[in-house]
Amino acid sequence: MSDDSDYESVLLVIRECYVYKVPPLQSSSRGYRAADWGNVDEPIWRGRLRIIAQGKNCFIRLEDGQTGELFAVCPYEENKGCIESVTDSSRYFVVRIEDQGRHAFIGLGFLDRSHAFDFNVALQDHFKHLAAEERSAEQKKSGVQQPKLDFSLKEGQTLNLTIAGGGTGASTRRNRPPRPAASDEGVLPALLPPPPPPGKRK
């Protein structure tokens, strides 16, 4: 049987993104700036971005939007410096791409800030999901069980129900017509035995 890690799942698709040539960083304390990349309206490449999860691994793939041909791939690892935000915009990033053991840094930009937000969230959610799976596996291994929820009413607690069109249970009872009072011609005669036939009275 195939290992689950062989299966790929698509975490995010952004149909248009832009790639820029990044000049060498002058000062590590200053950080990257999109303004240093020249005219951002003239990227060196534009195409589709997909974030792929394969087991515990995560990849950012830059592909041709029509043919799917791969332009570059970034194997993403959390807290490894694979992606760095620029200091002067929320829409641009510096991405570390790899190819057969070699690596390079490119600029990555999005047309809309919401795309940049989705890009960040998709990466964060992947590793949150992995962390939750690891915690669950550790709990099962150690025999720790989640506490069961108790929905029973405790002593002294009451439950108030609202009936559609009739208000609360109490108000519904108040609106009901009064029951007829017991009388000799109503309930009581029905409970007494019938009188004996004439002539047989003792």
N, C-alpha and C. Protein backbone atom coordinates (compact mmCIF):
# COMPACT_ATOMS: atom_id res chain seq x y z
N MET A 1 0.83 -1.19 0.00
CA MET A 1 0.00 0.00 0.00
C MET A 1 0.87 1.25 0.00
N SER A 2 0.36 2.32 -0.59
CA SER A 2 1.12 3.57 -0.64
C SER A 2 1.09 4.27 0.69
N ASP A 3 2.15 4.91 1.02
CA ASP A 3 2.23 5.72 2.23
C ASP A 3 1.40 6.98 2.06
N ASP A 4 0.78 7.44 3.19
CA ASP A 4 -0.03 8.65 3.13
C ASP A 4 0.77 9.85 2.67
N SER A 5 2.09 9.83 2.94
CA SER A 5 2.92 10.97 2.57
C SER A 5 3.07 11.10 1.06
N ASP A 6 2.67 10.05 0.30
CA ASP A 6 2.75 10.13 -1.15
C ASP A 6 1.65 11.02 -1.73
N TYR A 7 0.60 11.24 -0.96
CA TYR A 7 -0.53 12.00 -1.46
C TYR A 7 -0.28 13.50 -1.29
N GLU A 8 -0.63 14.24 -2.31
CA GLU A 8 -0.48 15.69 -2.27
C GLU A 8 -1.84 16.33 -2.05
N SER A 9 -1.85 17.39 -1.27
CA SER A 9 -3.06 18.19 -1.10
C SER A 9 -2.71 19.65 -1.39
N VAL A 10 -3.60 20.31 -2.09
CA VAL A 10 -3.40 21.70 -2.47
C VAL A 10 -3.97 22.59 -1.38
N LEU A 11 -3.12 23.36 -0.74
CA LEU A 11 -3.54 24.24 0.34
C LEU A 11 -4.02 25.59 -0.15
N LEU A 12 -3.46 26.05 -1.27
CA LEU A 12 -3.81 27.38 -1.77
C LEU A 12 -3.43 27.49 -3.24
N VAL A 13 -4.27 28.18 -4.00
CA VAL A 13 -3.96 28.51 -5.39
C VAL A 13 -4.18 30.01 -5.57
N ILE A 14 -3.16 30.72 -6.02
CA ILE A 14 -3.27 32.13 -6.39
C ILE A 14 -2.95 32.21 -7.88
N ARG A 15 -3.90 32.65 -8.65
CA ARG A 15 -3.80 32.53 -10.11
C ARG A 15 -2.79 33.49 -10.74
N GLU A 16 -2.43 34.55 -10.02
CA GLU A 16 -1.45 35.47 -10.60
C GLU A 16 -0.53 36.00 -9.51
N CYS A 17 0.76 35.80 -9.71
CA CYS A 17 1.78 36.35 -8.83
C CYS A 17 2.93 36.82 -9.70
N TYR A 18 3.89 37.52 -9.09
CA TYR A 18 4.96 38.14 -9.86
C TYR A 18 6.31 37.84 -9.21
N VAL A 19 7.32 37.67 -10.05
CA VAL A 19 8.67 37.36 -9.58
C VAL A 19 9.60 38.49 -9.99
N TYR A 20 10.53 38.85 -9.07
CA TYR A 20 11.47 39.94 -9.30
C TYR A 20 12.90 39.47 -8.98
N LYS A 21 13.83 40.10 -9.61
CA LYS A 21 15.23 39.88 -9.29
C LYS A 21 15.58 40.70 -8.05
N VAL A 22 16.20 40.03 -7.08
CA VAL A 22 16.51 40.68 -5.81
C VAL A 22 18.01 41.00 -5.76
N PRO A 23 18.37 42.25 -5.59
CA PRO A 23 19.80 42.60 -5.46
C PRO A 23 20.34 42.12 -4.11
N PRO A 24 21.64 41.96 -3.99
CA PRO A 24 22.22 41.52 -2.72
C PRO A 24 21.82 42.45 -1.58
N LEU A 25 21.59 41.84 -0.43
CA LEU A 25 21.19 42.60 0.74
C LEU A 25 22.37 43.42 1.26
N GLN A 26 22.19 44.72 1.36
CA GLN A 26 23.27 45.59 1.79
C GLN A 26 23.53 45.49 3.29
N SER A 27 22.45 45.38 4.06
CA SER A 27 22.60 45.31 5.51
C SER A 27 21.53 44.39 6.07
N SER A 28 21.95 43.39 6.85
CA SER A 28 20.98 42.44 7.41
C SER A 28 20.02 43.12 8.38
N SER A 29 20.47 44.18 9.04
CA SER A 29 19.60 44.88 9.99
C SER A 29 18.55 45.71 9.27
N ARG A 30 18.84 46.11 8.04
CA ARG A 30 17.90 46.92 7.29
C ARG A 30 16.77 46.08 6.69
N GLY A 31 17.07 44.86 6.28
CA GLY A 31 16.08 43.99 5.68
C GLY A 31 15.87 44.29 4.21
N TYR A 32 15.05 43.46 3.56
CA TYR A 32 14.77 43.64 2.14
C TYR A 32 13.69 44.72 1.95
N ARG A 33 13.82 45.46 0.84
CA ARG A 33 12.84 46.47 0.47
C ARG A 33 12.44 46.26 -0.99
N ALA A 34 11.11 46.25 -1.22
CA ALA A 34 10.62 46.08 -2.59
C ALA A 34 11.01 47.27 -3.46
N ALA A 35 11.21 48.42 -2.84
CA ALA A 35 11.60 49.60 -3.61
C ALA A 35 12.97 49.44 -4.26
N ASP A 36 13.79 48.51 -3.77
CA ASP A 36 15.12 48.28 -4.34
C ASP A 36 15.08 47.37 -5.57
N TRP A 37 13.93 46.86 -5.92
CA TRP A 37 13.84 45.91 -7.01
C TRP A 37 13.59 46.58 -8.36
N GLY A 38 13.53 47.89 -8.38
CA GLY A 38 13.23 48.59 -9.62
C GLY A 38 11.73 48.78 -9.78
N ASN A 39 11.28 48.80 -11.01
CA ASN A 39 9.87 49.02 -11.31
C ASN A 39 9.09 47.72 -11.05
N VAL A 40 8.25 47.71 -10.00
CA VAL A 40 7.51 46.49 -9.65
C VAL A 40 6.42 46.18 -10.67
N ASP A 41 6.13 47.13 -11.55
CA ASP A 41 5.16 46.86 -12.62
C ASP A 41 5.76 46.07 -13.77
N GLU A 42 7.06 45.79 -13.68
CA GLU A 42 7.74 45.03 -14.73
C GLU A 42 8.48 43.84 -14.12
N PRO A 43 7.75 42.81 -13.69
CA PRO A 43 8.40 41.62 -13.11
C PRO A 43 9.14 40.83 -14.19
N ILE A 44 10.06 39.97 -13.75
CA ILE A 44 10.78 39.13 -14.70
C ILE A 44 9.96 37.89 -15.08
N TRP A 45 8.92 37.60 -14.30
CA TRP A 45 8.06 36.45 -14.59
C TRP A 45 6.73 36.67 -13.89
N ARG A 46 5.67 36.17 -14.48
CA ARG A 46 4.36 36.17 -13.83
C ARG A 46 3.66 34.84 -14.12
N GLY A 47 2.91 34.37 -13.17
CA GLY A 47 2.25 33.08 -13.35
C GLY A 47 1.43 32.72 -12.13
N ARG A 48 1.25 31.43 -11.93
CA ARG A 48 0.39 30.90 -10.87
C ARG A 48 1.22 30.41 -9.69
N LEU A 49 0.68 30.56 -8.49
CA LEU A 49 1.32 30.03 -7.28
C LEU A 49 0.42 28.96 -6.67
N ARG A 50 1.03 27.86 -6.30
CA ARG A 50 0.31 26.82 -5.57
C ARG A 50 1.13 26.41 -4.35
N ILE A 51 0.45 26.24 -3.22
CA ILE A 51 1.08 25.70 -2.02
C ILE A 51 0.60 24.26 -1.88
N ILE A 52 1.57 23.32 -1.86
CA ILE A 52 1.28 21.89 -1.86
C ILE A 52 1.78 21.29 -0.55
N ALA A 53 0.95 20.47 0.08
CA ALA A 53 1.37 19.70 1.25
C ALA A 53 1.50 18.23 0.84
N GLN A 54 2.60 17.62 1.23
CA GLN A 54 2.83 16.21 0.97
C GLN A 54 3.36 15.59 2.25
N GLY A 55 2.47 14.95 2.99
CA GLY A 55 2.83 14.49 4.32
C GLY A 55 3.13 15.68 5.22
N LYS A 56 4.31 15.68 5.82
CA LYS A 56 4.73 16.80 6.66
C LYS A 56 5.45 17.88 5.87
N ASN A 57 5.71 17.63 4.60
CA ASN A 57 6.44 18.58 3.78
C ASN A 57 5.49 19.58 3.12
N CYS A 58 6.04 20.75 2.85
CA CYS A 58 5.26 21.83 2.24
C CYS A 58 6.11 22.48 1.14
N PHE A 59 5.49 22.72 -0.01
CA PHE A 59 6.20 23.29 -1.15
C PHE A 59 5.41 24.46 -1.72
N ILE A 60 6.13 25.50 -2.10
CA ILE A 60 5.54 26.62 -2.83
C ILE A 60 6.00 26.49 -4.27
N ARG A 61 5.05 26.27 -5.17
CA ARG A 61 5.37 26.05 -6.57
C ARG A 61 4.92 27.24 -7.40
N LEU A 62 5.81 27.74 -8.23
CA LEU A 62 5.51 28.80 -9.17
C LEU A 62 5.42 28.16 -10.56
N GLU A 63 4.25 28.26 -11.19
CA GLU A 63 4.00 27.54 -12.42
C GLU A 63 3.38 28.45 -13.48
N ASP A 64 3.54 28.05 -14.72
CA ASP A 64 2.86 28.74 -15.81
C ASP A 64 1.36 28.55 -15.65
N GLY A 65 0.62 29.65 -15.71
CA GLY A 65 -0.82 29.57 -15.48
C GLY A 65 -1.58 28.80 -16.54
N GLN A 66 -1.01 28.65 -17.74
CA GLN A 66 -1.70 27.95 -18.83
C GLN A 66 -1.24 26.50 -18.96
N THR A 67 0.06 26.28 -18.95
CA THR A 67 0.59 24.94 -19.21
C THR A 67 0.92 24.16 -17.93
N GLY A 68 1.07 24.87 -16.80
CA GLY A 68 1.47 24.21 -15.56
C GLY A 68 2.95 23.94 -15.48
N GLU A 69 3.74 24.42 -16.45
CA GLU A 69 5.18 24.21 -16.43
C GLU A 69 5.81 24.87 -15.21
N LEU A 70 6.68 24.15 -14.54
CA LEU A 70 7.28 24.63 -13.30
C LEU A 70 8.34 25.68 -13.60
N PHE A 71 8.22 26.82 -12.92
CA PHE A 71 9.24 27.86 -13.02
C PHE A 71 10.23 27.76 -11.87
N ALA A 72 9.73 27.61 -10.65
CA ALA A 72 10.61 27.50 -9.47
C ALA A 72 9.82 26.87 -8.34
N VAL A 73 10.54 26.29 -7.39
CA VAL A 73 9.90 25.68 -6.23
C VAL A 73 10.66 26.08 -4.98
N CYS A 74 9.92 26.32 -3.93
CA CYS A 74 10.49 26.66 -2.62
C CYS A 74 10.04 25.61 -1.62
N PRO A 75 10.92 24.69 -1.19
CA PRO A 75 10.58 23.78 -0.10
C PRO A 75 10.51 24.58 1.21
N TYR A 76 9.31 24.68 1.75
CA TYR A 76 9.11 25.59 2.88
C TYR A 76 9.25 24.82 4.20
N GLU A 77 10.10 25.35 5.07
CA GLU A 77 10.24 24.84 6.43
C GLU A 77 10.03 26.00 7.39
N GLU A 78 9.26 25.74 8.41
CA GLU A 78 8.93 26.80 9.36
C GLU A 78 10.17 27.27 10.11
N ASN A 79 10.30 28.58 10.24
CA ASN A 79 11.40 29.21 10.99
C ASN A 79 12.79 28.85 10.43
N LYS A 80 12.86 28.66 9.12
CA LYS A 80 14.14 28.34 8.49
C LYS A 80 14.60 29.44 7.53
N GLY A 81 13.93 30.58 7.53
CA GLY A 81 14.32 31.67 6.66
C GLY A 81 13.99 31.44 5.20
N CYS A 82 13.03 30.56 4.92
CA CYS A 82 12.66 30.30 3.53
C CYS A 82 11.90 31.46 2.91
N ILE A 83 11.15 32.18 3.73
CA ILE A 83 10.36 33.31 3.26
C ILE A 83 10.57 34.47 4.23
N GLU A 84 10.78 35.65 3.68
CA GLU A 84 10.97 36.83 4.50
C GLU A 84 10.15 37.98 3.93
N SER A 85 9.40 38.65 4.78
CA SER A 85 8.62 39.80 4.35
C SER A 85 9.54 40.99 4.12
N VAL A 86 9.20 41.82 3.16
CA VAL A 86 9.97 43.05 2.96
C VAL A 86 9.53 44.08 4.00
N THR A 87 10.33 45.10 4.17
CA THR A 87 10.05 46.08 5.22
C THR A 87 9.16 47.22 4.77
N ASP A 88 8.91 47.35 3.46
CA ASP A 88 8.17 48.52 2.99
C ASP A 88 6.84 48.18 2.30
N SER A 89 6.39 46.93 2.40
CA SER A 89 5.12 46.57 1.79
C SER A 89 4.62 45.26 2.37
N SER A 90 3.30 45.10 2.38
CA SER A 90 2.72 43.84 2.86
C SER A 90 2.42 42.88 1.71
N ARG A 91 2.71 43.30 0.45
CA ARG A 91 2.38 42.47 -0.71
C ARG A 91 3.59 41.75 -1.31
N TYR A 92 4.78 41.98 -0.75
CA TYR A 92 6.00 41.45 -1.36
C TYR A 92 6.81 40.66 -0.33
N PHE A 93 7.47 39.62 -0.85
CA PHE A 93 8.27 38.73 -0.01
C PHE A 93 9.55 38.36 -0.76
N VAL A 94 10.53 37.89 0.00
CA VAL A 94 11.73 37.29 -0.58
C VAL A 94 11.66 35.79 -0.29
N VAL A 95 11.79 35.00 -1.35
CA VAL A 95 11.59 33.55 -1.27
C VAL A 95 12.88 32.84 -1.66
N ARG A 96 13.21 31.81 -0.90
CA ARG A 96 14.41 31.00 -1.18
C ARG A 96 13.99 29.81 -2.04
N ILE A 97 14.39 29.79 -3.29
CA ILE A 97 14.05 28.68 -4.19
C ILE A 97 15.25 27.74 -4.30
N GLU A 98 14.96 26.46 -4.63
CA GLU A 98 16.01 25.45 -4.73
C GLU A 98 15.87 24.67 -6.02
N ASP A 99 17.02 24.22 -6.54
CA ASP A 99 17.04 23.40 -7.75
C ASP A 99 18.30 22.54 -7.75
N GLN A 100 18.10 21.23 -7.53
CA GLN A 100 19.21 20.27 -7.55
C GLN A 100 20.36 20.68 -6.64
N GLY A 101 20.02 21.01 -5.42
CA GLY A 101 21.02 21.36 -4.42
C GLY A 101 21.46 22.80 -4.43
N ARG A 102 21.13 23.55 -5.48
CA ARG A 102 21.47 24.97 -5.53
C ARG A 102 20.29 25.79 -5.06
N HIS A 103 20.55 27.00 -4.57
CA HIS A 103 19.46 27.85 -4.12
C HIS A 103 19.72 29.29 -4.54
N ALA A 104 18.65 30.05 -4.57
CA ALA A 104 18.73 31.48 -4.91
C ALA A 104 17.55 32.19 -4.25
N PHE A 105 17.66 33.50 -4.16
CA PHE A 105 16.58 34.31 -3.56
C PHE A 105 15.92 35.14 -4.65
N ILE A 106 14.60 35.12 -4.67
CA ILE A 106 13.84 35.91 -5.63
C ILE A 106 12.79 36.74 -4.89
N GLY A 107 12.34 37.79 -5.53
CA GLY A 107 11.24 38.57 -4.99
C GLY A 107 9.92 38.00 -5.46
N LEU A 108 8.94 37.96 -4.57
CA LEU A 108 7.61 37.45 -4.89
C LEU A 108 6.59 38.51 -4.52
N GLY A 109 5.70 38.83 -5.45
CA GLY A 109 4.70 39.86 -5.19
C GLY A 109 3.32 39.42 -5.61
N PHE A 110 2.31 40.06 -5.00
CA PHE A 110 0.91 39.77 -5.31
C PHE A 110 0.21 41.07 -5.69
N LEU A 111 -0.83 40.93 -6.52
CA LEU A 111 -1.56 42.08 -6.97
C LEU A 111 -2.38 42.70 -5.84
N ASP A 112 -2.88 41.85 -4.95
CA ASP A 112 -3.79 42.31 -3.90
C ASP A 112 -3.26 41.91 -2.53
N ARG A 113 -3.52 42.74 -1.52
CA ARG A 113 -3.07 42.42 -0.16
C ARG A 113 -3.76 41.18 0.39
N SER A 114 -4.99 40.94 -0.06
CA SER A 114 -5.70 39.75 0.43
C SER A 114 -5.00 38.47 -0.02
N HIS A 115 -4.38 38.50 -1.21
CA HIS A 115 -3.62 37.33 -1.67
C HIS A 115 -2.39 37.10 -0.78
N ALA A 116 -1.72 38.18 -0.41
CA ALA A 116 -0.57 38.05 0.49
C ALA A 116 -1.00 37.52 1.85
N PHE A 117 -2.17 37.96 2.32
CA PHE A 117 -2.69 37.47 3.60
C PHE A 117 -3.00 35.98 3.51
N ASP A 118 -3.68 35.55 2.44
CA ASP A 118 -4.01 34.13 2.26
C ASP A 118 -2.74 33.29 2.17
N PHE A 119 -1.72 33.83 1.53
CA PHE A 119 -0.43 33.15 1.40
C PHE A 119 0.17 32.86 2.78
N ASN A 120 0.18 33.85 3.64
CA ASN A 120 0.71 33.67 4.99
C ASN A 120 -0.12 32.69 5.80
N VAL A 121 -1.44 32.83 5.73
CA VAL A 121 -2.34 31.99 6.55
C VAL A 121 -2.24 30.53 6.14
N ALA A 122 -2.16 30.25 4.84
CA ALA A 122 -2.07 28.86 4.37
C ALA A 122 -0.83 28.17 4.92
N LEU A 123 0.29 28.88 4.94
CA LEU A 123 1.52 28.29 5.48
C LEU A 123 1.42 28.07 6.98
N GLN A 124 0.86 29.03 7.70
CA GLN A 124 0.72 28.90 9.15
C GLN A 124 -0.23 27.76 9.51
N ASP A 125 -1.35 27.65 8.77
CA ASP A 125 -2.34 26.60 9.07
C ASP A 125 -1.76 25.21 8.86
N HIS A 126 -0.88 25.05 7.88
CA HIS A 126 -0.28 23.74 7.63
C HIS A 126 0.50 23.27 8.86
N PHE A 127 1.29 24.13 9.43
CA PHE A 127 2.10 23.73 10.58
C PHE A 127 1.29 23.66 11.87
N LYS A 128 0.21 24.43 11.97
CA LYS A 128 -0.70 24.28 13.11
C LYS A 128 -1.36 22.91 13.06
N HIS A 129 -1.74 22.48 11.87
CA HIS A 129 -2.36 21.16 11.70
C HIS A 129 -1.38 20.05 12.08
N LEU A 130 -0.13 20.18 11.66
CA LEU A 130 0.87 19.18 12.02
C LEU A 130 1.09 19.13 13.52
N ALA A 131 1.13 20.30 14.17
CA ALA A 131 1.33 20.34 15.62
C ALA A 131 0.16 19.68 16.35
N ALA A 132 -1.06 19.91 15.86
CA ALA A 132 -2.23 19.30 16.49
C ALA A 132 -2.21 17.78 16.33
N GLU A 133 -1.78 17.30 15.17
CA GLU A 133 -1.67 15.86 14.95
C GLU A 133 -0.63 15.24 15.87
N GLU A 134 0.48 15.93 16.08
CA GLU A 134 1.53 15.40 16.96
C GLU A 134 1.04 15.34 18.40
N ARG A 135 0.31 16.37 18.84
CA ARG A 135 -0.23 16.35 20.21
C ARG A 135 -1.22 15.21 20.39
N SER A 136 -2.06 15.00 19.39
CA SER A 136 -3.05 13.92 19.47
C SER A 136 -2.36 12.55 19.53
N ALA A 137 -1.31 12.38 18.73
CA ALA A 137 -0.58 11.11 18.74
C ALA A 137 0.11 10.88 20.07
N GLU A 138 0.66 11.92 20.67
CA GLU A 138 1.32 11.79 21.97
C GLU A 138 0.32 11.43 23.06
N GLN A 139 -0.88 12.02 22.99
CA GLN A 139 -1.90 11.71 23.99
C GLN A 139 -2.37 10.27 23.88
N LYS A 140 -2.52 9.78 22.65
CA LYS A 140 -2.92 8.39 22.48
C LYS A 140 -1.83 7.45 22.97
N LYS A 141 -0.57 7.82 22.71
CA LYS A 141 0.55 6.96 23.12
C LYS A 141 0.66 6.90 24.65
N SER A 142 0.40 8.02 25.31
CA SER A 142 0.51 8.07 26.77
C SER A 142 -0.77 7.63 27.47
N GLY A 143 -1.83 7.36 26.70
CA GLY A 143 -3.08 6.91 27.30
C GLY A 143 -3.93 8.03 27.86
N VAL A 144 -3.59 9.26 27.56
CA VAL A 144 -4.38 10.38 28.05
C VAL A 144 -5.64 10.50 27.21
N GLN A 145 -6.79 10.54 27.86
CA GLN A 145 -8.05 10.67 27.16
C GLN A 145 -8.64 12.05 27.42
N GLN A 146 -9.36 12.53 26.42
CA GLN A 146 -10.03 13.81 26.58
C GLN A 146 -11.18 13.65 27.57
N PRO A 147 -11.40 14.63 28.47
CA PRO A 147 -12.52 14.52 29.41
C PRO A 147 -13.86 14.50 28.69
N LYS A 148 -14.76 13.65 29.20
CA LYS A 148 -16.10 13.56 28.62
C LYS A 148 -16.96 14.72 29.12
N LEU A 149 -17.76 15.24 28.24
CA LEU A 149 -18.64 16.36 28.59
C LEU A 149 -19.90 15.83 29.24
N ASP A 150 -20.32 16.46 30.34
CA ASP A 150 -21.52 16.06 31.07
C ASP A 150 -22.60 17.10 30.83
N PHE A 151 -23.66 16.69 30.11
CA PHE A 151 -24.75 17.60 29.79
C PHE A 151 -25.96 17.40 30.69
N SER A 152 -25.88 16.55 31.72
CA SER A 152 -27.02 16.32 32.60
C SER A 152 -27.23 17.51 33.52
N LEU A 153 -28.49 17.70 33.94
CA LEU A 153 -28.83 18.81 34.84
C LEU A 153 -28.41 18.45 36.25
N LYS A 154 -27.76 19.39 36.91
CA LYS A 154 -27.37 19.19 38.29
C LYS A 154 -28.56 19.51 39.21
N GLU A 155 -28.45 19.12 40.46
CA GLU A 155 -29.53 19.35 41.42
C GLU A 155 -29.78 20.85 41.59
N GLY A 156 -31.03 21.24 41.46
CA GLY A 156 -31.38 22.65 41.60
C GLY A 156 -31.40 23.41 40.29
N GLN A 157 -30.86 22.83 39.20
CA GLN A 157 -30.87 23.49 37.91
C GLN A 157 -32.20 23.25 37.21
N THR A 158 -32.64 24.24 36.45
CA THR A 158 -33.88 24.13 35.69
C THR A 158 -33.59 24.39 34.22
N LEU A 159 -34.51 23.95 33.39
CA LEU A 159 -34.39 24.12 31.96
C LEU A 159 -35.61 24.87 31.46
N ASN A 160 -35.43 26.02 30.85
CA ASN A 160 -36.52 26.86 30.36
C ASN A 160 -36.64 26.69 28.85
N LEU A 161 -37.78 26.19 28.38
CA LEU A 161 -38.00 25.96 26.97
C LEU A 161 -38.89 27.05 26.40
N THR A 162 -38.59 27.49 25.18
CA THR A 162 -39.43 28.45 24.47
C THR A 162 -40.10 27.74 23.31
N ILE A 163 -41.43 27.77 23.27
CA ILE A 163 -42.21 27.11 22.23
C ILE A 163 -42.57 28.12 21.18
N ALA A 164 -42.30 27.81 19.92
CA ALA A 164 -42.57 28.75 18.84
C ALA A 164 -44.04 29.09 18.77
N GLY A 165 -44.35 30.38 18.76
CA GLY A 165 -45.73 30.85 18.65
C GLY A 165 -46.47 30.86 19.95
N GLY A 166 -45.87 30.29 20.99
CA GLY A 166 -46.61 30.23 22.25
C GLY A 166 -45.87 30.82 23.42
N GLY A 167 -44.62 31.32 23.19
CA GLY A 167 -43.85 31.88 24.29
C GLY A 167 -43.29 30.78 25.14
N THR A 168 -43.02 31.07 26.41
CA THR A 168 -42.46 30.07 27.31
C THR A 168 -43.52 29.10 27.74
N GLY A 169 -43.11 28.01 28.34
CA GLY A 169 -44.05 27.01 28.81
C GLY A 169 -45.04 27.57 29.81
N ALA A 170 -44.56 28.47 30.69
CA ALA A 170 -45.45 29.03 31.72
C ALA A 170 -46.54 29.87 31.09
N SER A 171 -46.19 30.73 30.13
CA SER A 171 -47.19 31.59 29.53
C SER A 171 -48.18 30.78 28.70
N THR A 172 -47.75 29.64 28.14
CA THR A 172 -48.66 28.80 27.37
C THR A 172 -49.73 28.21 28.27
N ARG A 173 -49.34 27.83 29.46
CA ARG A 173 -50.32 27.28 30.39
C ARG A 173 -51.33 28.34 30.81
N ARG A 174 -50.90 29.59 30.94
CA ARG A 174 -51.82 30.65 31.34
C ARG A 174 -52.85 30.94 30.25
N ASN A 175 -52.49 30.70 29.00
CA ASN A 175 -53.39 31.01 27.90
C ASN A 175 -54.37 29.89 27.59
N ARG A 176 -54.21 28.75 28.22
CA ARG A 176 -55.13 27.66 27.97
C ARG A 176 -56.48 27.97 28.61
N PRO A 177 -57.62 27.50 27.99
CA PRO A 177 -58.94 27.73 28.61
C PRO A 177 -59.05 26.96 29.92
N PRO A 178 -59.75 27.53 30.91
CA PRO A 178 -59.86 26.85 32.22
C PRO A 178 -60.62 25.54 32.10
N ARG A 179 -60.22 24.59 32.89
CA ARG A 179 -60.89 23.31 32.90
C ARG A 179 -62.23 23.45 33.61
N PRO A 180 -63.27 22.73 33.17
CA PRO A 180 -64.58 22.85 33.83
C PRO A 180 -64.51 22.32 35.25
N ALA A 181 -65.24 23.03 36.14
CA ALA A 181 -65.26 22.62 37.56
C ALA A 181 -66.08 21.35 37.73
N ALA A 182 -65.65 20.53 38.67
CA ALA A 182 -66.39 19.29 38.95
C ALA A 182 -67.74 19.61 39.55
N SER A 183 -68.81 18.92 39.14
CA SER A 183 -70.16 19.13 39.68
C SER A 183 -70.89 17.81 39.72
N ASP A 184 -72.05 17.84 40.34
CA ASP A 184 -72.85 16.62 40.42
C ASP A 184 -73.32 16.17 39.06
N GLU A 185 -73.37 17.15 38.09
CA GLU A 185 -73.85 16.80 36.76
C GLU A 185 -72.70 16.53 35.80
N GLY A 186 -71.51 16.64 36.26
CA GLY A 186 -70.37 16.50 35.36
C GLY A 186 -69.54 15.29 35.68
N VAL A 187 -68.46 15.52 36.42
CA VAL A 187 -67.48 14.46 36.64
C VAL A 187 -67.97 13.44 37.64
N LEU A 188 -68.59 13.90 38.76
CA LEU A 188 -68.95 12.97 39.83
C LEU A 188 -69.94 11.91 39.39
N PRO A 189 -71.04 12.26 38.66
CA PRO A 189 -71.95 11.19 38.24
C PRO A 189 -71.27 10.15 37.38
N ALA A 190 -70.32 10.55 36.62
CA ALA A 190 -69.63 9.58 35.78
C ALA A 190 -68.80 8.61 36.58
N LEU A 191 -68.42 9.02 37.82
CA LEU A 191 -67.61 8.14 38.66
C LEU A 191 -68.44 7.26 39.57
N LEU A 192 -69.75 7.59 39.79
CA LEU A 192 -70.61 6.81 40.69
C LEU A 192 -71.28 5.67 39.93
N PRO A 193 -71.61 4.57 40.59
CA PRO A 193 -72.34 3.47 39.91
C PRO A 193 -73.76 3.91 39.58
N PRO A 194 -74.37 3.33 38.53
CA PRO A 194 -75.74 3.71 38.18
C PRO A 194 -76.73 3.30 39.28
N PRO A 195 -77.87 4.03 39.45
CA PRO A 195 -78.86 3.67 40.48
C PRO A 195 -79.55 2.34 40.08
N PRO A 196 -80.03 1.54 41.09
CA PRO A 196 -80.71 0.28 40.79
C PRO A 196 -82.02 0.52 40.08
N PRO A 197 -82.51 -0.48 39.29
CA PRO A 197 -83.80 -0.33 38.61
C PRO A 197 -84.94 -0.16 39.60
N PRO A 198 -86.05 0.49 39.18
CA PRO A 198 -87.21 0.64 40.09
C PRO A 198 -87.76 -0.71 40.51
N GLY A 199 -88.19 -0.80 41.74
CA GLY A 199 -88.79 -2.03 42.29
C GLY A 199 -87.77 -2.95 42.88
N LYS A 200 -86.51 -2.72 42.70
CA LYS A 200 -85.51 -3.59 43.27
C LYS A 200 -84.72 -2.93 44.35
N ARG A 201 -85.25 -1.77 44.80
CA ARG A 201 -84.50 -1.10 45.87
C ARG A 201 -84.71 -1.79 47.16
N LYS A 202 -83.73 -1.84 47.97
CA LYS A 202 -83.83 -2.50 49.30
C LYS A 202 -84.15 -1.44 50.33
